[in-house]
Amino acid sequence: MSVSSSSSGQRVLVSYTAPPIFLGSPNWNKVHAAIISQLPLKNIHWKSTRKGIVRTIQELDVTLVPFESLRDEHASQVPVTVLEKPLLHIFIVHCEVNVLAGLRVLRFSYYVV
């Protein structure tokens, strides 16, 4: 069975956030461009656990929105449809190289002991 989101004209909301220092950096611009280049998502497959049927979404339009923009105190927190609120929240973590090097050292020393 095939379900196509693009034929209905609806978009799925995905929110994102990261530490403010990262969001203001050139690295964020690269990450954001890389994510956008993958949209719309195409040929998404999943298998139903009850019926064992493989289903496909041929194309899924995704709108990225900053997580901080979702807090509107005057708007209703109860959506009319499930597509009015983000279905996925992405938190982007930025690790300094020194931190990663320290983790590698800790892992290595753990295995050596």
N, C-alpha and C. Protein backbone atom coordinates (compact mmCIF):
# COMPACT_ATOMS: atom_id res chain seq x y z
N MET A 1 0.85 -1.18 0.00
CA MET A 1 0.00 0.00 0.00
C MET A 1 0.88 1.23 0.00
N SER A 2 0.50 2.23 -0.72
CA SER A 2 1.29 3.44 -0.83
C SER A 2 0.49 4.64 -0.37
N VAL A 3 1.10 5.45 0.47
CA VAL A 3 0.47 6.67 0.97
C VAL A 3 1.36 7.83 0.56
N SER A 4 0.79 8.84 -0.07
CA SER A 4 1.59 9.97 -0.50
C SER A 4 1.13 11.23 0.21
N SER A 5 2.02 11.81 1.01
CA SER A 5 1.69 13.03 1.73
C SER A 5 1.63 14.23 0.80
N SER A 6 2.43 14.20 -0.27
CA SER A 6 2.50 15.38 -1.13
C SER A 6 1.20 15.61 -1.90
N SER A 7 0.43 14.55 -2.12
CA SER A 7 -0.82 14.73 -2.85
C SER A 7 -1.84 15.47 -2.01
N SER A 8 -1.74 15.35 -0.68
CA SER A 8 -2.69 16.05 0.17
C SER A 8 -2.25 17.49 0.45
N GLY A 9 -1.00 17.81 0.13
CA GLY A 9 -0.52 19.17 0.33
C GLY A 9 -0.17 19.48 1.78
N GLN A 10 -0.18 18.49 2.66
CA GLN A 10 0.14 18.71 4.06
C GLN A 10 1.62 18.49 4.31
N ARG A 11 2.12 19.22 5.29
CA ARG A 11 3.52 19.10 5.66
C ARG A 11 3.61 18.64 7.11
N VAL A 12 4.67 17.92 7.40
CA VAL A 12 4.95 17.47 8.75
C VAL A 12 5.91 18.47 9.37
N LEU A 13 5.62 18.89 10.60
CA LEU A 13 6.51 19.80 11.30
C LEU A 13 7.58 19.03 12.06
N VAL A 14 8.81 19.49 11.96
CA VAL A 14 9.93 18.96 12.73
C VAL A 14 10.62 20.15 13.37
N SER A 15 10.73 20.13 14.69
CA SER A 15 11.39 21.24 15.37
C SER A 15 12.85 20.88 15.64
N TYR A 16 13.66 21.91 15.78
CA TYR A 16 15.07 21.70 16.08
C TYR A 16 15.53 22.74 17.09
N THR A 17 16.56 22.38 17.83
CA THR A 17 17.22 23.32 18.72
C THR A 17 18.64 22.84 18.94
N ALA A 18 19.44 23.73 19.44
CA ALA A 18 20.85 23.45 19.75
C ALA A 18 21.29 24.54 20.72
N PRO A 19 22.46 24.37 21.30
CA PRO A 19 22.97 25.46 22.14
C PRO A 19 23.06 26.75 21.32
N PRO A 20 22.70 27.90 21.91
CA PRO A 20 22.68 29.17 21.17
C PRO A 20 24.00 29.50 20.49
N ILE A 21 25.11 29.18 21.12
CA ILE A 21 26.40 29.49 20.51
C ILE A 21 26.60 28.71 19.21
N PHE A 22 26.04 27.50 19.15
CA PHE A 22 26.15 26.70 17.93
C PHE A 22 25.21 27.23 16.85
N LEU A 23 24.00 27.62 17.25
CA LEU A 23 23.03 28.14 16.27
C LEU A 23 23.52 29.42 15.60
N GLY A 24 24.40 30.15 16.26
CA GLY A 24 24.94 31.38 15.68
C GLY A 24 26.25 31.17 14.93
N SER A 25 26.66 29.94 14.77
CA SER A 25 27.96 29.67 14.15
C SER A 25 27.82 29.25 12.68
N PRO A 26 28.91 29.34 11.92
CA PRO A 26 28.90 28.86 10.54
C PRO A 26 28.65 27.35 10.45
N ASN A 27 29.01 26.62 11.51
CA ASN A 27 28.77 25.16 11.51
C ASN A 27 27.28 24.86 11.46
N TRP A 28 26.46 25.67 12.14
CA TRP A 28 25.01 25.46 12.08
C TRP A 28 24.50 25.65 10.66
N ASN A 29 25.02 26.66 9.98
CA ASN A 29 24.59 26.89 8.60
C ASN A 29 24.87 25.68 7.73
N LYS A 30 25.99 25.01 7.95
CA LYS A 30 26.34 23.81 7.19
C LYS A 30 25.40 22.65 7.53
N VAL A 31 25.13 22.47 8.83
CA VAL A 31 24.23 21.40 9.27
C VAL A 31 22.83 21.64 8.73
N HIS A 32 22.35 22.87 8.83
CA HIS A 32 21.01 23.21 8.35
C HIS A 32 20.90 22.96 6.84
N ALA A 33 21.91 23.38 6.09
CA ALA A 33 21.89 23.17 4.64
C ALA A 33 21.90 21.67 4.30
N ALA A 34 22.65 20.89 5.07
CA ALA A 34 22.69 19.45 4.83
C ALA A 34 21.34 18.79 5.09
N ILE A 35 20.66 19.24 6.15
CA ILE A 35 19.32 18.70 6.45
C ILE A 35 18.34 19.09 5.35
N ILE A 36 18.34 20.36 4.99
CA ILE A 36 17.41 20.85 3.96
C ILE A 36 17.63 20.14 2.63
N SER A 37 18.89 19.80 2.32
CA SER A 37 19.18 19.14 1.04
C SER A 37 18.56 17.74 0.96
N GLN A 38 18.19 17.17 2.10
CA GLN A 38 17.59 15.83 2.13
C GLN A 38 16.06 15.87 2.03
N LEU A 39 15.49 17.06 1.99
CA LEU A 39 14.04 17.21 1.98
C LEU A 39 13.53 17.52 0.59
N PRO A 40 12.32 17.09 0.24
CA PRO A 40 11.41 16.26 1.02
C PRO A 40 11.93 14.83 1.13
N LEU A 41 11.52 14.16 2.19
CA LEU A 41 11.90 12.76 2.36
C LEU A 41 11.16 11.92 1.33
N LYS A 42 11.84 10.92 0.79
CA LYS A 42 11.23 10.10 -0.26
C LYS A 42 11.35 8.62 0.06
N ASN A 43 10.34 7.87 -0.36
CA ASN A 43 10.31 6.41 -0.24
C ASN A 43 10.58 5.94 1.19
N ILE A 44 9.73 6.37 2.10
CA ILE A 44 9.83 5.95 3.50
C ILE A 44 9.02 4.67 3.65
N HIS A 45 9.65 3.60 4.11
CA HIS A 45 8.99 2.30 4.25
C HIS A 45 8.92 1.90 5.72
N TRP A 46 7.82 1.29 6.10
CA TRP A 46 7.73 0.67 7.41
C TRP A 46 6.81 -0.52 7.33
N LYS A 47 7.02 -1.44 8.26
CA LYS A 47 6.24 -2.68 8.26
C LYS A 47 5.33 -2.67 9.48
N SER A 48 4.06 -2.90 9.24
CA SER A 48 3.08 -2.96 10.32
C SER A 48 3.35 -4.19 11.18
N THR A 49 3.36 -4.02 12.48
CA THR A 49 3.60 -5.17 13.37
C THR A 49 2.38 -6.08 13.46
N ARG A 50 1.19 -5.53 13.23
CA ARG A 50 -0.02 -6.35 13.33
C ARG A 50 -0.29 -7.15 12.06
N LYS A 51 -0.19 -6.50 10.91
CA LYS A 51 -0.56 -7.16 9.66
C LYS A 51 0.63 -7.60 8.83
N GLY A 52 1.82 -7.11 9.16
CA GLY A 52 3.01 -7.50 8.41
C GLY A 52 3.07 -6.89 7.01
N ILE A 53 2.28 -5.85 6.77
CA ILE A 53 2.24 -5.21 5.45
C ILE A 53 3.26 -4.08 5.41
N VAL A 54 4.03 -4.03 4.34
CA VAL A 54 4.98 -2.94 4.16
C VAL A 54 4.24 -1.77 3.53
N ARG A 55 4.35 -0.63 4.17
CA ARG A 55 3.70 0.58 3.68
C ARG A 55 4.78 1.56 3.24
N THR A 56 4.43 2.41 2.29
CA THR A 56 5.39 3.37 1.74
C THR A 56 4.77 4.75 1.65
N ILE A 57 5.53 5.73 2.09
CA ILE A 57 5.19 7.13 1.82
C ILE A 57 6.14 7.55 0.72
N GLN A 58 5.60 7.85 -0.43
CA GLN A 58 6.45 8.16 -1.57
C GLN A 58 7.19 9.47 -1.39
N GLU A 59 6.54 10.48 -0.84
CA GLU A 59 7.19 11.76 -0.60
C GLU A 59 6.55 12.43 0.60
N LEU A 60 7.38 12.90 1.51
CA LEU A 60 6.89 13.53 2.73
C LEU A 60 7.50 14.92 2.84
N ASP A 61 6.66 15.93 2.72
CA ASP A 61 7.12 17.30 2.87
C ASP A 61 7.34 17.59 4.36
N VAL A 62 8.49 18.14 4.67
CA VAL A 62 8.85 18.43 6.05
C VAL A 62 9.18 19.91 6.17
N THR A 63 8.65 20.52 7.21
CA THR A 63 8.98 21.91 7.50
C THR A 63 9.76 21.95 8.81
N LEU A 64 10.98 22.49 8.74
CA LEU A 64 11.80 22.64 9.94
C LEU A 64 11.44 23.96 10.62
N VAL A 65 11.20 23.90 11.92
CA VAL A 65 10.88 25.11 12.68
C VAL A 65 11.74 25.14 13.93
N PRO A 66 12.22 26.31 14.31
CA PRO A 66 12.97 26.40 15.56
C PRO A 66 12.06 26.05 16.74
N PHE A 67 12.58 25.25 17.66
CA PHE A 67 11.80 24.83 18.82
C PHE A 67 11.31 26.03 19.61
N GLU A 68 12.14 27.05 19.70
CA GLU A 68 11.80 28.24 20.47
C GLU A 68 10.58 28.96 19.90
N SER A 69 10.29 28.81 18.62
CA SER A 69 9.15 29.49 17.99
C SER A 69 7.82 28.81 18.32
N LEU A 70 7.87 27.65 18.95
CA LEU A 70 6.63 26.91 19.23
C LEU A 70 5.91 27.38 20.48
N ARG A 71 6.58 28.13 21.31
CA ARG A 71 5.97 28.57 22.57
C ARG A 71 5.20 29.87 22.36
N ASP A 72 3.95 29.73 22.02
CA ASP A 72 3.08 30.88 21.88
C ASP A 72 2.05 30.80 23.00
N GLU A 73 2.19 31.67 23.98
CA GLU A 73 1.34 31.62 25.16
C GLU A 73 -0.13 31.90 24.84
N HIS A 74 -0.40 32.62 23.74
CA HIS A 74 -1.78 32.99 23.42
C HIS A 74 -2.48 31.93 22.57
N ALA A 75 -1.73 31.04 21.96
CA ALA A 75 -2.32 30.01 21.10
C ALA A 75 -2.74 28.82 21.95
N SER A 76 -3.71 28.10 21.46
CA SER A 76 -4.16 26.90 22.14
C SER A 76 -3.07 25.84 22.10
N GLN A 77 -2.85 25.17 23.20
CA GLN A 77 -1.86 24.10 23.26
C GLN A 77 -2.44 22.77 22.78
N VAL A 78 -3.75 22.76 22.49
CA VAL A 78 -4.41 21.55 21.99
C VAL A 78 -4.59 21.71 20.48
N PRO A 79 -3.84 20.93 19.69
CA PRO A 79 -3.95 21.08 18.24
C PRO A 79 -5.26 20.49 17.71
N VAL A 80 -5.74 21.05 16.60
CA VAL A 80 -6.93 20.53 15.94
C VAL A 80 -6.58 19.22 15.24
N THR A 81 -5.42 19.18 14.58
CA THR A 81 -4.95 17.95 13.96
C THR A 81 -3.55 17.63 14.47
N VAL A 82 -3.14 16.39 14.30
CA VAL A 82 -1.83 15.96 14.76
C VAL A 82 -0.70 16.67 14.00
N LEU A 83 -0.97 17.16 12.80
CA LEU A 83 0.07 17.80 11.99
C LEU A 83 0.33 19.25 12.39
N GLU A 84 -0.45 19.79 13.32
CA GLU A 84 -0.24 21.17 13.75
C GLU A 84 0.91 21.31 14.74
N LYS A 85 1.32 20.23 15.35
CA LYS A 85 2.44 20.22 16.29
C LYS A 85 3.54 19.34 15.70
N PRO A 86 4.78 19.62 16.05
CA PRO A 86 5.88 18.80 15.50
C PRO A 86 5.75 17.33 15.88
N LEU A 87 6.03 16.47 14.91
CA LEU A 87 6.03 15.03 15.16
C LEU A 87 7.40 14.56 15.64
N LEU A 88 8.40 15.41 15.47
CA LEU A 88 9.77 15.06 15.85
C LEU A 88 10.47 16.31 16.34
N HIS A 89 11.22 16.16 17.42
CA HIS A 89 12.06 17.25 17.94
C HIS A 89 13.51 16.79 17.82
N ILE A 90 14.33 17.61 17.20
CA ILE A 90 15.74 17.29 17.03
C ILE A 90 16.56 18.23 17.91
N PHE A 91 17.40 17.66 18.77
CA PHE A 91 18.33 18.45 19.56
C PHE A 91 19.72 18.17 19.03
N ILE A 92 20.37 19.19 18.52
CA ILE A 92 21.68 19.03 17.90
C ILE A 92 22.73 19.32 18.96
N VAL A 93 23.63 18.37 19.14
CA VAL A 93 24.69 18.49 20.13
C VAL A 93 26.00 18.76 19.41
N HIS A 94 26.71 19.75 19.89
CA HIS A 94 28.01 20.10 19.30
C HIS A 94 29.08 19.79 20.33
N CYS A 95 30.00 18.90 19.97
CA CYS A 95 31.09 18.53 20.87
C CYS A 95 32.40 19.11 20.36
N GLU A 96 33.13 19.70 21.25
CA GLU A 96 34.45 20.19 20.90
C GLU A 96 35.37 19.00 20.69
N VAL A 97 36.37 19.17 19.85
CA VAL A 97 37.32 18.09 19.55
C VAL A 97 38.02 17.63 20.82
N ASN A 98 38.33 18.55 21.71
CA ASN A 98 39.02 18.18 22.95
C ASN A 98 38.16 17.25 23.80
N VAL A 99 36.86 17.49 23.81
CA VAL A 99 35.95 16.64 24.58
C VAL A 99 35.94 15.24 23.99
N LEU A 100 35.85 15.13 22.66
CA LEU A 100 35.86 13.82 22.01
C LEU A 100 37.17 13.09 22.26
N ALA A 101 38.26 13.80 22.21
CA ALA A 101 39.56 13.18 22.46
C ALA A 101 39.61 12.62 23.88
N GLY A 102 39.06 13.37 24.82
CA GLY A 102 39.02 12.89 26.20
C GLY A 102 38.18 11.64 26.35
N LEU A 103 37.06 11.59 25.63
CA LEU A 103 36.22 10.40 25.69
C LEU A 103 36.94 9.19 25.11
N ARG A 104 37.66 9.39 24.03
CA ARG A 104 38.42 8.28 23.44
C ARG A 104 39.46 7.77 24.42
N VAL A 105 40.11 8.69 25.11
CA VAL A 105 41.13 8.29 26.08
C VAL A 105 40.47 7.50 27.21
N LEU A 106 39.32 7.97 27.69
CA LEU A 106 38.63 7.26 28.76
C LEU A 106 38.21 5.86 28.31
N ARG A 107 37.66 5.74 27.11
CA ARG A 107 37.24 4.43 26.61
C ARG A 107 38.45 3.51 26.48
N PHE A 108 39.54 4.05 25.93
CA PHE A 108 40.72 3.23 25.74
C PHE A 108 41.27 2.77 27.09
N SER A 109 41.34 3.65 28.08
CA SER A 109 41.87 3.28 29.39
C SER A 109 40.94 2.28 30.08
N TYR A 110 39.66 2.35 29.79
CA TYR A 110 38.71 1.40 30.37
C TYR A 110 38.99 -0.02 29.86
N TYR A 111 39.27 -0.12 28.55
CA TYR A 111 39.54 -1.44 27.96
C TYR A 111 40.91 -1.96 28.35
N VAL A 112 41.86 -1.07 28.60
CA VAL A 112 43.22 -1.50 28.94
C VAL A 112 43.27 -2.05 30.35
N VAL A 113 42.49 -1.49 31.26
CA VAL A 113 42.54 -1.89 32.66
C VAL A 113 42.08 -3.27 32.86
